[in-house]
Each structure stands twice: as C-alpha cells, then as structure tokens.
Amino acid sequence: MSNRQQQTDVILIGAGIMSATLGALLKELAPDWNIKVFEKLASAGEESSNEWNNAGTGHSSLCELNYTTEKPDGSIDISKAVKVNEEFQVSKQFWAHLAASGLIHNPQDFIMTLPHMSLVFGENNVRFLRKRFEALKDNPLFRGMEYSDRPERLQQWIPLIMDGRKVDEPIAATKIDSGTDVNFGALTRMLFEHLQKQGVDVRYKHQVDDVKRAGDGSWDVKVRDSRGAVERHNAKFVFLGGGGGSLHLLQKSGIPEGRAIGGFPISGIFMVCQKPEVVSRHHAKVYGKAAVGAPPMSVPHLDKRYIEGKEMLFFGPFAGFSPKFLKNGSMLDLITSVKPNNLVTMLASGAKNVPLVKYLIKELSLSKEQRMNALREFVPDAKSDDWDLVVAGQRVQVIKDTPAGKGILQFGTEVVSAADGSIAALLGASPGASTAVSVMLEVIEKCFPQQLKAWEPKIKEMIPSYGVKLLDHPQLIAQIEAKAAKALQLKELHPAK
C-alpha cells in the first residue's frame, strides 16, 4: 500500500464516452492541466459505450416518437425533439472539429449516414404520425423529412418490413436521410487514444474504492490496481463518469446534492442478425411506437448497424433485469445503494412503479420464440435461425424527489454536482451518449465558472452554435451541417446555399 498521495488537476473516473468527451474538451480548453483517468476494466468503452451494449442511434429526434407528445388539444409538442436535435448537432460539431484538426482519424469508423424512420400501424397512430410530420417538416432542424401512407412507397423504403406483409390496417412512415449510425465504442477508443497522445494518464484495471473531501476542498481518491495495491490520488476536480457505478461513488462523496437519490437498473436484450441476404434488405433505423402503458425504453426499433467492419441488424430492445449497476458489476449493487437518506425515496418509487415491475416480469418471462413473434410484427418472414439474442448494457434510471412527488423515476440523463463545482457525477440513460458534448459542456459551465469566460472563444471555435439557439439561425444550421459532412465524411444531403 502506498501512502504517498499523488497530485493532479483533474481525475476522470470511468473510461466511457462521457469521460472521453470531458477529457477531450478540457485538453482543448486547458492543455496544461494534468488529467488522470481510472477505469476498472482492461480497455476503454467496454460498458454502456460499447457498440454491442447500445443501439448506436445518433439520437436527434428524427425518428423517436417518444420525444414528441400529443397535447390534450390534439397538437404536437415538439419542444423535446428540438432540444435533443440541437444537442446532437453540438456533438457533431465537436467531432467535426476533432477530425478537421487531425486529432482523430477515419471518422467513418464511428459515424455513418443512415436514414431514420418512424413506422406506425393503426388509424390513431397514423393520424398521430401525420400530425407529427406536419409539425416538423418545415423546421430547419428536420429538413428533408418525408411522409407516406402508401404501401407501394413503403415497399421502396423498407422492403424487409413490407415483404410478405398483409396490409390489412392503416400503415404510415416518415423518413429522413440525414440520420446517423454511431459506433460509440469506436469513438470512445479514438478519443482515449487522442488523450493519451496529449499526455493524459489513463490507467486501466484500476478500481476507485472511495472519494473523500480533503481539508482544502480538493478530493482524495482511493484507487486499487489489479494486484490489489492501493494508490492515493488528490485532485481539484473529480468527474464520476462510471455509468451506473457513479451512484455509489456519489454517495461516498457525501455531498448534499447526492442525498435522496437512488437508482433502478434495467438491462436490455437485442435480437441480432448477421446473415447477409437478410441484412442487405434493410437500410435504415426504423422506430415504432411503444405499447400503451409501456415505459419509454420499450420503443421497438429495427436498426441497420456497422460493427467491426460488418453490417448487421438489431431489433429490440427487450427489457431485462439484474441488480447489477454495470454489466461487469456486483449482484449487490442495488441493495447497497439503498441508504438511510434515500430509503423513503426508493420505497415511494416502488409504490409508484408497480406497472413497470409487472412489465419487467413479463419481459423476463419471454422465450426466444415469443421475442421472434414481436420481431415478426416488423419483419413478417423473420426466421428464428437467422437471429441471435445479445444482452446489452445496464442502464440505471435515476430515482429522486421532485415537485411532482417523492420517488419519481427519471428516464433522462442528469448531472449532479457539488455547490462549489469541485465534483460532478453523470447519472441516467437515454439519450445519453448522443448528447455527450452538450452534457459535458453543462459540467464545464457548472464546475468551472471562473474559467468559462476565458474559454468561451475556444468553445465557439470548436462549436459555432455554442450559446445560441439553432432554430433562430437557420443559415448556421446549413453551415455546420456542411462542415460536419465534410469533416466526418458524411453524405451531404442539404448543401448550404
């Protein structure tokens, strides 16, 4: 055991997309700062960021129907769709900056242009989709969106889904060609390779056991290596970016902002097809609508994916359950996260979420053939032998008290930071990785207010839309789209005028 404390400026815990993004931003803004990263696994991007552990959708609200809700008066609320789209534009701008500057290479290894589609069945859902299309089609963030309820047109768009289908009920889809498939695992590994070249000390197989406030307001971090040897590090700023594992470390930090926060783990299962003759018949990410009463994470979607140089299809997700907070976590994660200060919150959540528990029990009981039947609602001629089950990553949904009541389950991504900005934790799930740059800019704004004014010119150089609402600057949308297309080697679908 080493008693000597090693000093640094910044410690990032977890080698996923969030830590990678924050590290890359800080190295651009404060290149002289010393940064250390601790990851308990053997390499970067092995948990939620890994390409096998998520759907790889560049979430920009082009196809996700749960980001647009119908109001009581029948109109469509597009505010969340606009927000998520703008956040993804921020991510693309930063990635484009890194690629154009030569800081990352071969962007086609992590991002590909791929149409995004929404698909619905039934008269009411078709009516909803048409209203959604009318609400979005003239918005500059959703340029190029098409709508069709003609089976012959849908046959051209999605032959795998339409082949062999009996069109005995209304069916409709929207399609927009500017969507993307993003390999967040590959991107994470690229970013960490870049950080190591910039002098960032990345230590794999290092488990963080404790985070405690030091007398001067900095943070003492207790780390254990693969041999069991204990190291002690001290930093002015600590970021807890270890996925579901961040909750335990947030609790150990003792900051008041982390009290009365709990977490509920949900895992995902995908059906995967790698058979070329099947994969070649589908070229899009097609999102459906969740069943009435089902949670947002249950939205069915059939996705073209690019992984390890291969094209494949993912269908799902089907929900699963494990008490682990990480795929490589402990079976005791859930129970040890319950503390005196969040016990009432957790109990209240349990009482409020009986339908979710019933949904999970039902999902867990599904056989492969029952899952295949769900797939056949999308792909009528799907054959069981062509599809395999893959267990995706763990997601820990935040549970907290809100003005709406105690124990409210949150389905988004949240940053929890100390009042003095010396420590921050990233909790939650979707849209997660797609909005990593916006989320990490939020961390920077909260935790480095004294440096922010001096950093703003550099931030705006990297992210031209920083500080402005893109909807108010449609010409800027066209400019950043063209710049991103060139730097990231994407197909430019709407050339700037």
Protein backbone atom coordinates (compact mmCIF):
# COMPACT_ATOMS: atom_id res chain seq x y z
CA MET A 1 0.00 0.00 0.00
CA SER A 2 1.31 3.41 -0.97
CA ASN A 3 0.74 6.25 1.50
CA ARG A 4 2.20 8.85 -0.84
CA GLN A 5 -0.54 10.99 -2.30
CA GLN A 6 -0.22 11.79 -5.99
CA GLN A 7 -1.41 15.26 -7.02
CA THR A 8 -3.23 16.14 -10.24
CA ASP A 9 -5.64 18.75 -11.56
CA VAL A 10 -8.47 16.55 -12.80
CA ILE A 11 -9.48 12.94 -12.18
CA LEU A 12 -11.96 11.25 -14.50
CA ILE A 13 -13.48 8.01 -13.20
CA GLY A 14 -14.62 5.61 -15.91
CA ALA A 15 -13.32 5.30 -19.48
CA GLY A 16 -16.62 5.67 -21.32
CA ILE A 17 -17.88 8.23 -23.79
CA MET A 18 -18.65 10.82 -21.11
CA SER A 19 -15.18 10.87 -19.55
CA ALA A 20 -13.64 10.71 -23.03
CA THR A 21 -15.66 13.73 -24.11
CA LEU A 22 -14.95 15.77 -20.99
CA GLY A 23 -11.25 14.93 -21.19
CA ALA A 24 -11.10 15.94 -24.85
CA LEU A 25 -12.89 19.24 -24.16
CA LEU A 26 -10.65 20.09 -21.20
CA LYS A 27 -7.49 19.28 -23.14
CA GLU A 28 -8.58 21.77 -25.80
CA LEU A 29 -9.51 24.44 -23.23
CA ALA A 30 -6.73 23.92 -20.68
CA PRO A 31 -3.92 21.96 -22.39
CA ASP A 32 -1.54 22.45 -19.46
CA TRP A 33 -3.81 20.76 -16.93
CA ASN A 34 -2.81 17.33 -15.67
CA ILE A 35 -5.58 14.76 -16.13
CA LYS A 36 -5.76 11.19 -14.85
CA VAL A 37 -8.34 8.57 -15.80
CA PHE A 38 -9.13 5.43 -13.80
CA GLU A 39 -11.02 2.53 -15.40
CA LYS A 40 -11.60 -0.79 -13.67
CA LEU A 41 -11.81 -2.75 -16.93
CA ALA A 42 -8.93 -3.54 -19.29
CA SER A 43 -9.78 -1.02 -22.01
CA ALA A 44 -11.94 1.98 -22.90
CA GLY A 45 -15.60 1.86 -23.89
CA GLU A 46 -16.39 -1.57 -22.53
CA GLU A 47 -19.61 -0.81 -20.63
CA SER A 48 -22.57 1.31 -21.80
CA SER A 49 -20.49 2.96 -24.54
CA ASN A 50 -19.60 -0.36 -26.14
CA GLU A 51 -21.12 -0.87 -29.57
CA TRP A 52 -22.74 -4.15 -28.52
CA ASN A 53 -24.35 -2.54 -25.48
CA ASN A 54 -26.47 0.14 -27.16
CA ALA A 55 -28.49 0.72 -30.34
CA GLY A 56 -25.94 3.05 -31.94
CA THR A 57 -28.55 5.63 -32.86
CA GLY A 58 -27.37 9.20 -33.28
CA HIS A 59 -30.35 10.41 -31.26
CA SER A 60 -31.57 13.57 -32.96
CA SER A 61 -35.36 13.09 -32.68
CA LEU A 62 -35.69 12.28 -36.38
CA CYS A 63 -37.46 9.01 -35.65
CA GLU A 64 -38.01 8.69 -31.89
CA LEU A 65 -41.74 9.16 -31.36
CA ASN A 66 -41.45 9.40 -27.57
CA TYR A 67 -39.73 12.80 -27.99
CA THR A 68 -42.93 14.28 -29.49
CA THR A 69 -46.11 14.07 -27.43
CA GLU A 70 -49.69 14.84 -28.28
CA LYS A 71 -51.23 17.58 -26.14
CA PRO A 72 -54.81 17.40 -24.82
CA ASP A 73 -55.91 19.79 -27.59
CA GLY A 74 -54.52 17.39 -30.22
CA SER A 75 -51.49 19.48 -31.17
CA ILE A 76 -47.96 18.03 -31.11
CA ASP A 77 -45.37 19.24 -28.61
CA ILE A 78 -42.02 19.25 -30.43
CA SER A 79 -40.00 21.06 -27.73
CA LYS A 80 -38.12 17.97 -26.53
CA ALA A 81 -37.46 16.85 -30.11
CA VAL A 82 -35.92 20.23 -30.90
CA LYS A 83 -33.82 20.17 -27.72
CA VAL A 84 -32.42 16.67 -28.39
CA ASN A 85 -31.75 17.51 -32.04
CA GLU A 86 -29.83 20.67 -31.13
CA GLU A 87 -27.80 18.71 -28.57
CA PHE A 88 -26.81 16.15 -31.19
CA GLN A 89 -25.79 18.96 -33.53
CA VAL A 90 -23.40 20.11 -30.77
CA SER A 91 -21.86 16.64 -30.62
CA LYS A 92 -21.38 16.53 -34.40
CA GLN A 93 -19.73 19.95 -34.37
CA PHE A 94 -17.18 18.87 -31.78
CA TRP A 95 -16.46 15.59 -33.55
CA ALA A 96 -16.05 17.53 -36.79
CA HIS A 97 -13.59 19.89 -35.07
CA LEU A 98 -11.52 16.96 -33.81
CA ALA A 99 -11.49 15.33 -37.24
CA ALA A 100 -10.72 18.55 -39.16
CA SER A 101 -7.89 19.30 -36.72
CA GLY A 102 -6.36 15.86 -37.20
CA LEU A 103 -6.93 14.94 -33.56
CA ILE A 104 -8.99 11.88 -34.53
CA HIS A 105 -8.79 9.98 -37.80
CA ASN A 106 -11.01 7.86 -40.04
CA PRO A 107 -14.36 9.19 -38.73
CA GLN A 108 -16.20 6.73 -40.96
CA ASP A 109 -15.08 4.12 -38.42
CA PHE A 110 -17.53 5.58 -35.89
CA ILE A 111 -20.22 7.50 -37.79
CA MET A 112 -22.18 6.67 -40.95
CA THR A 113 -25.08 8.38 -42.69
CA LEU A 114 -28.19 6.21 -42.35
CA PRO A 115 -31.88 7.07 -42.88
CA HIS A 116 -34.01 7.42 -39.75
CA MET A 117 -37.64 6.37 -40.00
CA SER A 118 -40.76 6.22 -37.84
CA LEU A 119 -43.28 3.45 -38.57
CA VAL A 120 -46.79 3.10 -37.14
CA PHE A 121 -49.82 0.88 -37.57
CA GLY A 122 -53.49 1.61 -36.94
CA GLU A 123 -55.73 4.55 -37.66
CA ASN A 124 -54.99 6.53 -34.49
CA ASN A 125 -51.22 6.09 -34.77
CA VAL A 126 -51.26 7.05 -38.45
CA ARG A 127 -53.19 10.19 -37.55
CA PHE A 128 -50.60 10.99 -34.85
CA LEU A 129 -47.67 10.43 -37.21
CA ARG A 130 -49.20 12.69 -39.86
CA LYS A 131 -49.65 15.47 -37.30
CA ARG A 132 -46.08 14.96 -36.09
CA PHE A 133 -44.82 15.21 -39.66
CA GLU A 134 -46.77 18.43 -40.25
CA ALA A 135 -45.32 19.89 -37.02
CA LEU A 136 -41.72 19.06 -38.03
CA LYS A 137 -41.44 19.18 -41.81
CA ASP A 138 -40.86 22.95 -42.11
CA ASN A 139 -38.50 23.09 -39.14
CA PRO A 140 -34.91 23.65 -40.40
CA LEU A 141 -33.61 21.01 -37.98
CA PHE A 142 -35.79 18.40 -39.69
CA ARG A 143 -35.26 19.36 -43.32
CA GLY A 144 -35.91 16.61 -45.81
CA MET A 145 -38.42 14.64 -43.77
CA GLU A 146 -40.84 12.69 -45.98
CA TYR A 147 -44.18 11.07 -45.11
CA SER A 148 -46.04 8.27 -46.82
CA ASP A 149 -49.02 6.04 -46.07
CA ARG A 150 -48.82 4.31 -49.46
CA PRO A 151 -47.74 0.64 -49.19
CA GLU A 152 -46.01 0.76 -52.58
CA ARG A 153 -43.85 3.69 -51.41
CA LEU A 154 -43.09 1.97 -48.11
CA GLN A 155 -42.05 -1.11 -50.10
CA GLN A 156 -39.30 1.02 -51.67
CA TRP A 157 -38.21 2.43 -48.32
CA ILE A 158 -38.31 -0.71 -46.16
CA PRO A 159 -38.52 -3.87 -48.29
CA LEU A 160 -37.57 -6.20 -45.43
CA ILE A 161 -40.51 -4.93 -43.37
CA MET A 162 -43.02 -4.83 -46.24
CA ASP A 163 -42.18 -8.15 -47.95
CA GLY A 164 -44.86 -10.70 -47.16
CA ARG A 165 -46.93 -8.21 -45.16
CA LYS A 166 -50.72 -8.25 -45.36
CA VAL A 167 -51.66 -4.59 -45.38
CA ASP A 168 -55.00 -5.01 -43.61
CA GLU A 169 -54.78 -1.89 -41.44
CA PRO A 170 -53.59 1.71 -41.93
CA ILE A 171 -49.79 1.99 -42.03
CA ALA A 172 -47.55 5.04 -42.39
CA ALA A 173 -43.92 6.09 -42.04
CA THR A 174 -41.71 9.13 -42.08
CA LYS A 175 -38.19 9.06 -43.48
CA ILE A 176 -35.29 11.46 -43.25
CA ASP A 177 -31.98 10.64 -44.91
CA SER A 178 -29.76 12.75 -42.63
CA GLY A 179 -29.83 10.29 -39.73
CA THR A 180 -26.72 8.51 -38.49
CA ASP A 181 -25.49 5.25 -37.05
CA VAL A 182 -22.84 5.95 -34.41
CA ASN A 183 -20.40 3.40 -33.03
CA PHE A 184 -19.87 4.95 -29.60
CA GLY A 185 -17.41 2.24 -28.61
CA ALA A 186 -15.13 3.06 -31.54
CA LEU A 187 -15.49 6.80 -30.87
CA THR A 188 -14.62 6.32 -27.20
CA ARG A 189 -11.50 4.37 -28.08
CA MET A 190 -10.47 7.04 -30.61
CA LEU A 191 -10.88 9.78 -28.01
CA PHE A 192 -8.82 7.95 -25.41
CA GLU A 193 -6.08 7.27 -27.94
CA HIS A 194 -6.08 11.02 -28.64
CA LEU A 195 -6.00 11.86 -24.91
CA GLN A 196 -3.06 9.56 -24.25
CA LYS A 197 -1.14 11.25 -27.07
CA GLN A 198 -1.91 14.55 -25.32
CA GLY A 199 -0.26 13.29 -22.13
CA VAL A 200 -3.37 12.19 -20.22
CA ASP A 201 -2.51 9.41 -17.75
CA VAL A 202 -5.05 6.64 -18.44
CA ARG A 203 -4.88 3.71 -16.03
CA TYR A 204 -6.85 0.60 -16.88
CA LYS A 205 -7.57 -2.19 -14.38
CA HIS A 206 -7.76 0.43 -11.63
CA GLN A 207 -10.82 0.33 -9.37
CA VAL A 208 -11.82 3.50 -7.48
CA ASP A 209 -12.88 2.46 -3.98
CA ASP A 210 -13.52 5.79 -2.31
CA VAL A 211 -13.83 9.54 -2.88
CA LYS A 212 -13.50 11.84 0.14
CA ARG A 213 -13.32 15.61 0.59
CA ALA A 214 -9.90 16.86 1.70
CA GLY A 215 -9.44 19.72 4.16
CA ASP A 216 -8.64 22.24 1.45
CA GLY A 217 -11.77 21.40 -0.56
CA SER A 218 -10.00 19.14 -3.05
CA TRP A 219 -10.73 15.42 -3.33
CA ASP A 220 -8.82 12.37 -2.11
CA VAL A 221 -9.39 9.35 -4.33
CA LYS A 222 -8.53 5.84 -3.18
CA VAL A 223 -7.65 3.55 -6.09
CA ARG A 224 -6.84 -0.17 -6.18
CA ASP A 225 -4.91 -1.74 -9.06
CA SER A 226 -5.30 -5.25 -10.48
CA ARG A 227 -2.81 -6.65 -7.94
CA GLY A 228 -4.68 -5.16 -5.01
CA ALA A 229 -2.15 -2.43 -4.35
CA VAL A 230 -3.74 0.79 -3.07
CA GLU A 231 -2.88 4.18 -4.53
CA ARG A 232 -3.98 7.56 -3.19
CA HIS A 233 -4.56 10.48 -5.52
CA ASN A 234 -5.70 14.04 -4.95
CA ALA A 235 -7.38 16.35 -7.45
CA LYS A 236 -9.02 19.76 -7.52
CA PHE A 237 -11.83 18.37 -9.66
CA VAL A 238 -13.31 14.86 -9.94
CA PHE A 239 -15.79 13.60 -12.53
CA LEU A 240 -17.76 10.45 -11.77
CA GLY A 241 -18.38 9.02 -15.24
CA GLY A 242 -18.56 5.33 -14.45
CA GLY A 243 -22.08 4.66 -15.69
CA GLY A 244 -24.27 3.05 -13.05
CA GLY A 245 -21.22 2.80 -10.79
CA SER A 246 -21.25 6.59 -10.40
CA LEU A 247 -24.13 6.43 -7.93
CA HIS A 248 -22.15 4.57 -5.27
CA LEU A 249 -19.22 6.97 -5.59
CA LEU A 250 -21.57 9.96 -5.46
CA GLN A 251 -22.95 8.59 -2.20
CA LYS A 252 -19.44 8.08 -0.81
CA SER A 253 -18.53 11.69 -1.64
CA GLY A 254 -21.06 12.85 0.94
CA ILE A 255 -22.11 15.99 -0.96
CA PRO A 256 -25.62 17.18 -0.02
CA GLU A 257 -26.65 17.24 -3.69
CA GLY A 258 -26.27 13.45 -3.82
CA ARG A 259 -28.68 12.76 -0.95
CA ALA A 260 -32.12 11.25 -1.54
CA ILE A 261 -31.09 9.98 -4.99
CA GLY A 262 -31.48 6.33 -5.87
CA GLY A 263 -31.20 4.20 -8.95
CA PHE A 264 -33.08 1.34 -10.60
CA PRO A 265 -31.15 -0.92 -13.00
CA ILE A 266 -32.68 -2.15 -16.24
CA SER A 267 -30.82 -4.23 -18.79
CA GLY A 268 -31.64 -4.65 -22.45
CA ILE A 269 -31.75 -7.57 -24.86
CA PHE A 270 -31.46 -7.25 -28.63
CA MET A 271 -32.12 -9.71 -31.43
CA VAL A 272 -29.19 -9.58 -33.86
CA CYS A 273 -28.98 -10.81 -37.44
CA GLN A 274 -25.72 -11.02 -39.39
CA LYS A 275 -26.99 -13.04 -42.36
CA PRO A 276 -26.01 -11.02 -45.49
CA GLU A 277 -29.10 -11.90 -47.54
CA VAL A 278 -31.33 -10.55 -44.73
CA VAL A 279 -29.18 -7.55 -43.77
CA SER A 280 -28.96 -6.35 -47.38
CA ARG A 281 -32.75 -5.88 -47.49
CA HIS A 282 -32.83 -3.20 -44.80
CA HIS A 283 -31.02 0.15 -44.80
CA ALA A 284 -32.43 2.37 -42.06
CA LYS A 285 -33.14 2.78 -38.38
CA VAL A 286 -36.88 2.27 -38.03
CA TYR A 287 -38.54 3.23 -34.74
CA GLY A 288 -42.06 2.22 -33.82
CA LYS A 289 -44.35 3.34 -31.03
CA ALA A 290 -44.33 1.89 -27.53
CA ALA A 291 -47.40 -0.03 -26.47
CA VAL A 292 -49.90 1.86 -24.32
CA GLY A 293 -48.65 1.92 -20.73
CA ALA A 294 -45.16 0.67 -21.62
CA PRO A 295 -42.10 2.69 -20.48
CA PRO A 296 -40.07 4.79 -22.97
CA MET A 297 -37.21 2.28 -23.09
CA SER A 298 -39.60 -0.27 -24.65
CA VAL A 299 -39.91 1.53 -28.01
CA PRO A 300 -39.33 -1.20 -30.64
CA HIS A 301 -36.86 -0.44 -33.41
CA LEU A 302 -35.15 -2.27 -36.25
CA ASP A 303 -31.68 -0.86 -36.90
CA LYS A 304 -29.01 -1.28 -39.51
CA ARG A 305 -25.67 -1.29 -37.67
CA TYR A 306 -21.99 -1.13 -38.65
CA ILE A 307 -19.83 -3.02 -36.14
CA GLU A 308 -16.29 -4.32 -36.56
CA GLY A 309 -16.48 -3.72 -40.29
CA LYS A 310 -19.68 -5.76 -40.66
CA GLU A 311 -23.24 -4.78 -41.47
CA MET A 312 -25.91 -6.28 -39.22
CA LEU A 313 -29.42 -5.72 -37.93
CA PHE A 314 -30.51 -5.11 -34.34
CA PHE A 315 -34.12 -5.44 -33.16
CA GLY A 316 -35.38 -4.58 -29.71
CA PRO A 317 -34.89 -3.70 -27.03
CA PHE A 318 -36.50 -6.24 -24.77
CA ALA A 319 -36.15 -5.30 -21.13
CA GLY A 320 -34.27 -7.45 -18.68
CA PHE A 321 -33.40 -7.11 -15.04
CA SER A 322 -30.27 -7.60 -12.97
CA PRO A 323 -29.47 -5.98 -9.62
CA LYS A 324 -26.08 -5.04 -11.08
CA PHE A 325 -25.49 -1.36 -11.85
CA LEU A 326 -22.92 -2.30 -14.51
CA LYS A 327 -22.72 -5.27 -16.83
CA ASN A 328 -19.46 -6.09 -15.03
CA GLY A 329 -20.85 -5.01 -11.65
CA SER A 330 -21.86 -6.78 -8.45
CA MET A 331 -25.11 -8.57 -7.65
CA LEU A 332 -25.19 -6.42 -4.51
CA ASP A 333 -25.17 -3.09 -6.36
CA LEU A 334 -28.87 -2.34 -5.97
CA ILE A 335 -29.21 -3.29 -2.31
CA THR A 336 -26.01 -1.48 -1.27
CA SER A 337 -27.24 1.69 -2.99
CA VAL A 338 -30.13 1.97 -0.54
CA LYS A 339 -29.08 4.34 2.25
CA PRO A 340 -30.95 5.98 5.15
CA ASN A 341 -31.11 9.24 3.19
CA ASN A 342 -32.76 7.67 0.11
CA LEU A 343 -34.78 4.86 1.70
CA VAL A 344 -38.08 6.78 1.69
CA THR A 345 -37.43 7.88 -1.91
CA MET A 346 -36.79 4.30 -3.02
CA LEU A 347 -39.87 2.96 -1.20
CA ALA A 348 -42.04 5.68 -2.71
CA SER A 349 -40.71 4.81 -6.15
CA GLY A 350 -41.51 1.15 -5.64
CA ALA A 351 -45.11 2.00 -4.80
CA LYS A 352 -45.43 4.30 -7.83
CA ASN A 353 -43.87 1.92 -10.35
CA VAL A 354 -45.83 -1.31 -9.89
CA PRO A 355 -46.76 -1.27 -13.63
CA LEU A 356 -43.06 -1.05 -14.54
CA VAL A 357 -42.28 -4.03 -12.31
CA LYS A 358 -45.08 -6.01 -13.94
CA TYR A 359 -43.75 -5.04 -17.36
CA LEU A 360 -40.25 -6.23 -16.44
CA ILE A 361 -41.58 -9.53 -15.08
CA LYS A 362 -43.48 -10.07 -18.32
CA GLU A 363 -40.41 -9.24 -20.42
CA LEU A 364 -38.19 -11.57 -18.40
CA SER A 365 -40.56 -14.46 -18.97
CA LEU A 366 -40.43 -14.19 -22.77
CA SER A 367 -38.97 -17.11 -24.68
CA LYS A 368 -36.90 -16.58 -27.81
CA GLU A 369 -39.86 -17.56 -29.95
CA GLN A 370 -42.06 -15.00 -28.20
CA ARG A 371 -39.43 -12.38 -28.93
CA MET A 372 -39.36 -13.58 -32.53
CA ASN A 373 -43.12 -13.02 -32.71
CA ALA A 374 -42.56 -9.40 -31.64
CA LEU A 375 -39.90 -9.12 -34.35
CA ARG A 376 -42.32 -10.56 -36.92
CA GLU A 377 -44.62 -7.60 -36.32
CA PHE A 378 -41.79 -5.68 -38.02
CA VAL A 379 -40.35 -8.42 -40.24
CA PRO A 380 -43.15 -10.83 -41.20
CA ASP A 381 -40.86 -13.50 -42.70
CA ALA A 382 -38.20 -13.45 -39.94
CA LYS A 383 -36.73 -16.89 -39.26
CA SER A 384 -35.55 -17.84 -35.78
CA ASP A 385 -32.32 -19.42 -37.04
CA ASP A 386 -31.25 -16.06 -38.54
CA TRP A 387 -31.44 -14.14 -35.28
CA ASP A 388 -29.46 -14.42 -32.02
CA LEU A 389 -30.05 -12.90 -28.60
CA VAL A 390 -27.49 -10.39 -27.32
CA VAL A 391 -27.58 -8.94 -23.81
CA ALA A 392 -26.91 -5.20 -23.98
CA GLY A 393 -25.57 -2.90 -21.28
CA GLN A 394 -27.07 -1.98 -17.92
CA ARG A 395 -28.91 1.33 -17.56
CA VAL A 396 -29.56 2.81 -14.14
CA GLN A 397 -32.61 5.05 -14.14
CA VAL A 398 -32.39 7.90 -11.63
CA ILE A 399 -34.93 7.97 -8.79
CA LYS A 400 -35.35 11.24 -6.92
CA ASP A 401 -37.81 13.54 -5.22
CA THR A 402 -39.25 16.26 -7.45
CA PRO A 403 -42.04 18.84 -7.17
CA ALA A 404 -44.27 16.12 -8.63
CA GLY A 405 -43.68 13.92 -5.58
CA LYS A 406 -41.26 11.54 -3.90
CA GLY A 407 -39.51 8.71 -5.67
CA ILE A 408 -40.06 9.84 -9.26
CA LEU A 409 -38.33 7.64 -11.82
CA GLN A 410 -36.38 9.71 -14.36
CA PHE A 411 -35.74 8.47 -17.89
CA GLY A 412 -33.19 11.06 -18.99
CA THR A 413 -29.57 11.99 -18.34
CA GLU A 414 -28.69 14.10 -15.28
CA VAL A 415 -25.63 15.87 -13.94
CA VAL A 416 -25.30 16.11 -10.15
CA SER A 417 -22.58 18.49 -8.98
CA ALA A 418 -21.38 19.97 -5.69
CA ALA A 419 -22.21 23.60 -4.96
CA ASP A 420 -18.54 24.56 -5.32
CA GLY A 421 -18.21 22.68 -8.62
CA SER A 422 -15.35 20.51 -7.41
CA ILE A 423 -17.07 17.20 -8.19
CA ALA A 424 -19.75 16.13 -10.65
CA ALA A 425 -21.49 12.87 -11.47
CA LEU A 426 -23.28 11.77 -14.61
CA LEU A 427 -26.36 9.64 -13.94
CA GLY A 428 -29.18 8.28 -16.06
CA ALA A 429 -29.66 6.89 -19.54
CA SER A 430 -31.14 7.91 -22.91
CA PRO A 431 -30.38 9.92 -24.99
CA GLY A 432 -27.04 9.72 -23.17
CA ALA A 433 -24.07 9.22 -25.48
CA SER A 434 -25.60 11.14 -28.41
CA THR A 435 -25.72 14.30 -26.29
CA ALA A 436 -22.38 13.74 -24.55
CA VAL A 437 -20.84 17.02 -25.70
CA SER A 438 -23.80 19.13 -24.54
CA VAL A 439 -23.86 17.30 -21.22
CA MET A 440 -20.13 17.79 -20.68
CA LEU A 441 -20.40 21.47 -21.59
CA GLU A 442 -23.03 21.65 -18.84
CA VAL A 443 -20.47 20.13 -16.46
CA ILE A 444 -17.90 22.72 -17.54
CA GLU A 445 -20.37 25.58 -17.05
CA LYS A 446 -21.35 24.35 -13.59
CA CYS A 447 -17.90 23.39 -12.36
CA PHE A 448 -15.54 25.93 -13.97
CA PRO A 449 -17.45 29.25 -13.86
CA GLN A 450 -14.27 31.25 -13.17
CA GLN A 451 -12.56 29.96 -16.32
CA LEU A 452 -15.63 29.94 -18.55
CA LYS A 453 -15.39 33.50 -19.87
CA ALA A 454 -11.78 32.98 -20.97
CA TRP A 455 -12.69 29.64 -22.53
CA GLU A 456 -15.74 30.82 -24.48
CA PRO A 457 -13.85 31.92 -27.65
CA LYS A 458 -12.26 28.48 -27.94
CA ILE A 459 -15.58 26.73 -27.28
CA LYS A 460 -17.22 28.80 -30.04
CA GLU A 461 -14.36 27.99 -32.38
CA MET A 462 -14.96 24.27 -31.80
CA ILE A 463 -18.76 24.52 -31.59
CA PRO A 464 -20.04 27.50 -33.61
CA SER A 465 -23.58 27.14 -32.27
CA TYR A 466 -22.46 27.41 -28.63
CA GLY A 467 -24.60 29.89 -26.73
CA VAL A 468 -27.21 30.34 -29.46
CA LYS A 469 -30.46 28.61 -30.27
CA LEU A 470 -30.06 26.99 -33.67
CA LEU A 471 -33.70 27.48 -34.59
CA ASP A 472 -33.09 31.23 -34.53
CA HIS A 473 -30.21 30.85 -37.00
CA PRO A 474 -31.31 28.59 -39.88
CA GLN A 475 -28.33 29.65 -42.02
CA LEU A 476 -25.99 28.48 -39.26
CA ILE A 477 -27.70 25.07 -39.32
CA ALA A 478 -26.84 24.71 -43.01
CA GLN A 479 -23.25 25.85 -42.42
CA ILE A 480 -22.49 23.47 -39.56
CA GLU A 481 -24.23 20.62 -41.40
CA ALA A 482 -21.97 21.17 -44.42
CA LYS A 483 -18.85 21.46 -42.26
CA ALA A 484 -19.72 18.29 -40.33
CA ALA A 485 -20.45 16.39 -43.55
CA LYS A 486 -17.02 17.29 -44.92
CA ALA A 487 -15.00 16.63 -41.76
CA LEU A 488 -16.83 13.44 -40.79
CA GLN A 489 -17.07 12.17 -44.38
CA LEU A 490 -20.86 12.06 -44.24
CA LYS A 491 -23.12 12.33 -47.24
CA GLU A 492 -24.11 15.99 -47.58
CA LEU A 493 -27.85 15.86 -48.09
CA HIS A 494 -28.72 19.56 -47.88
CA PRO A 495 -25.89 21.68 -49.30
CA ALA A 496 -25.62 25.18 -47.84
CA LYS A 497 -26.94 27.89 -50.16
